[in-house]
């Protein structure tokens, strides 16, 4: 969640890739309740999604596509959290 806080704090300087990862995670978190009976994602899920995207090897252009492509994002990050 720290990465998401940094994105919305105008004074912090994140790399372009970190900013895009934060947007992907925020979008996934916003859609999470639709697949999980209205429950919000746990903090551990947000952290795991950030790590998974950071080590995924996807470049910025591929990450940007995950913001809009719900099916691909769900396939990569999952619809539920254990």
Protein backbone atom coordinates (compact mmCIF):
# COMPACT_ATOMS: atom_id res chain seq x y z
CA UNK A 1 0.00 0.00 0.00
CA UNK A 2 3.00 2.28 0.47
CA UNK A 3 3.46 2.48 -3.28
CA UNK A 4 -0.15 3.60 -3.75
CA UNK A 5 0.30 6.29 -1.10
CA UNK A 6 3.43 7.56 -2.86
CA UNK A 7 1.58 7.83 -6.18
CA UNK A 8 -1.03 10.10 -4.70
CA UNK A 9 1.53 12.17 -2.78
CA UNK A 10 2.60 14.82 -5.30
CA UNK A 11 5.94 15.41 -3.59
CA UNK A 12 7.25 11.87 -4.02
CA UNK A 13 9.22 10.92 -7.09
CA UNK A 14 8.40 7.49 -8.49
CA UNK A 15 9.69 5.94 -11.64
CA UNK A 16 7.28 5.71 -14.56
CA UNK A 17 7.06 1.94 -14.13
CA UNK A 18 6.23 2.22 -10.41
CA UNK A 19 3.51 4.74 -11.19
CA UNK A 20 1.97 2.45 -13.79
CA UNK A 21 2.15 -0.53 -11.40
CA UNK A 22 0.32 1.53 -8.80
CA UNK A 23 -2.41 2.35 -11.31
CA UNK A 24 -2.77 -1.31 -12.27
CA UNK A 25 -3.04 -2.33 -8.60
CA UNK A 26 -5.50 0.47 -7.83
CA UNK A 27 -7.68 -0.57 -10.78
CA UNK A 28 -7.53 -4.22 -9.73
CA UNK A 29 -8.41 -3.27 -6.15
CA UNK A 30 -11.39 -1.26 -7.41
CA UNK A 31 -12.72 -4.28 -9.34
CA UNK A 32 -11.94 -6.78 -6.58
CA UNK A 33 -15.29 -6.32 -4.72
CA UNK A 34 -17.21 -7.26 -7.87
CA UNK A 35 -15.71 -10.77 -7.72
CA UNK A 36 -15.65 -11.13 -3.93
CA UNK A 37 -19.14 -10.41 -2.60
CA UNK A 38 -18.38 -6.74 -2.01
CA UNK A 39 -15.32 -7.36 0.19
CA UNK A 40 -12.33 -5.04 -0.16
CA UNK A 41 -8.92 -6.60 -0.90
CA UNK A 42 -6.71 -7.21 2.13
CA UNK A 43 -3.47 -5.29 2.56
CA UNK A 44 -1.49 -8.47 1.90
CA UNK A 45 -3.14 -8.81 -1.51
CA UNK A 46 -2.14 -5.27 -2.52
CA UNK A 47 1.46 -5.92 -1.50
CA UNK A 48 1.53 -9.26 -3.33
CA UNK A 49 0.10 -7.70 -6.50
CA UNK A 50 2.71 -4.93 -6.44
CA UNK A 51 5.52 -7.49 -6.03
CA UNK A 52 4.11 -9.74 -8.73
CA UNK A 53 3.92 -6.89 -11.24
CA UNK A 54 7.38 -5.60 -10.28
CA UNK A 55 9.03 -8.95 -11.01
CA UNK A 56 6.79 -9.89 -13.94
CA UNK A 57 9.22 -8.62 -16.56
CA UNK A 58 6.48 -6.63 -18.27
CA UNK A 59 7.55 -3.28 -19.71
CA UNK A 60 5.65 -0.03 -19.28
CA UNK A 61 3.56 -0.44 -22.43
CA UNK A 62 2.45 -3.92 -21.41
CA UNK A 63 1.61 -2.73 -17.90
CA UNK A 64 -0.50 0.13 -19.28
CA UNK A 65 -2.62 -2.40 -21.17
CA UNK A 66 -3.41 -4.15 -17.87
CA UNK A 67 -5.21 -1.05 -16.63
CA UNK A 68 -7.89 -1.46 -19.31
CA UNK A 69 -7.75 -5.21 -20.00
CA UNK A 70 -9.65 -6.71 -17.06
CA UNK A 71 -9.42 -10.28 -18.34
CA UNK A 72 -5.62 -10.18 -18.71
CA UNK A 73 -5.22 -8.46 -15.34
CA UNK A 74 -7.46 -11.05 -13.65
CA UNK A 75 -5.48 -13.85 -15.28
CA UNK A 76 -2.21 -12.39 -13.99
CA UNK A 77 -3.26 -11.24 -10.52
CA UNK A 78 -6.29 -13.44 -9.87
CA UNK A 79 -9.89 -12.57 -9.03
CA UNK A 80 -9.75 -13.73 -5.42
CA UNK A 81 -7.29 -13.75 -2.59
CA UNK A 82 -6.67 -16.88 -0.48
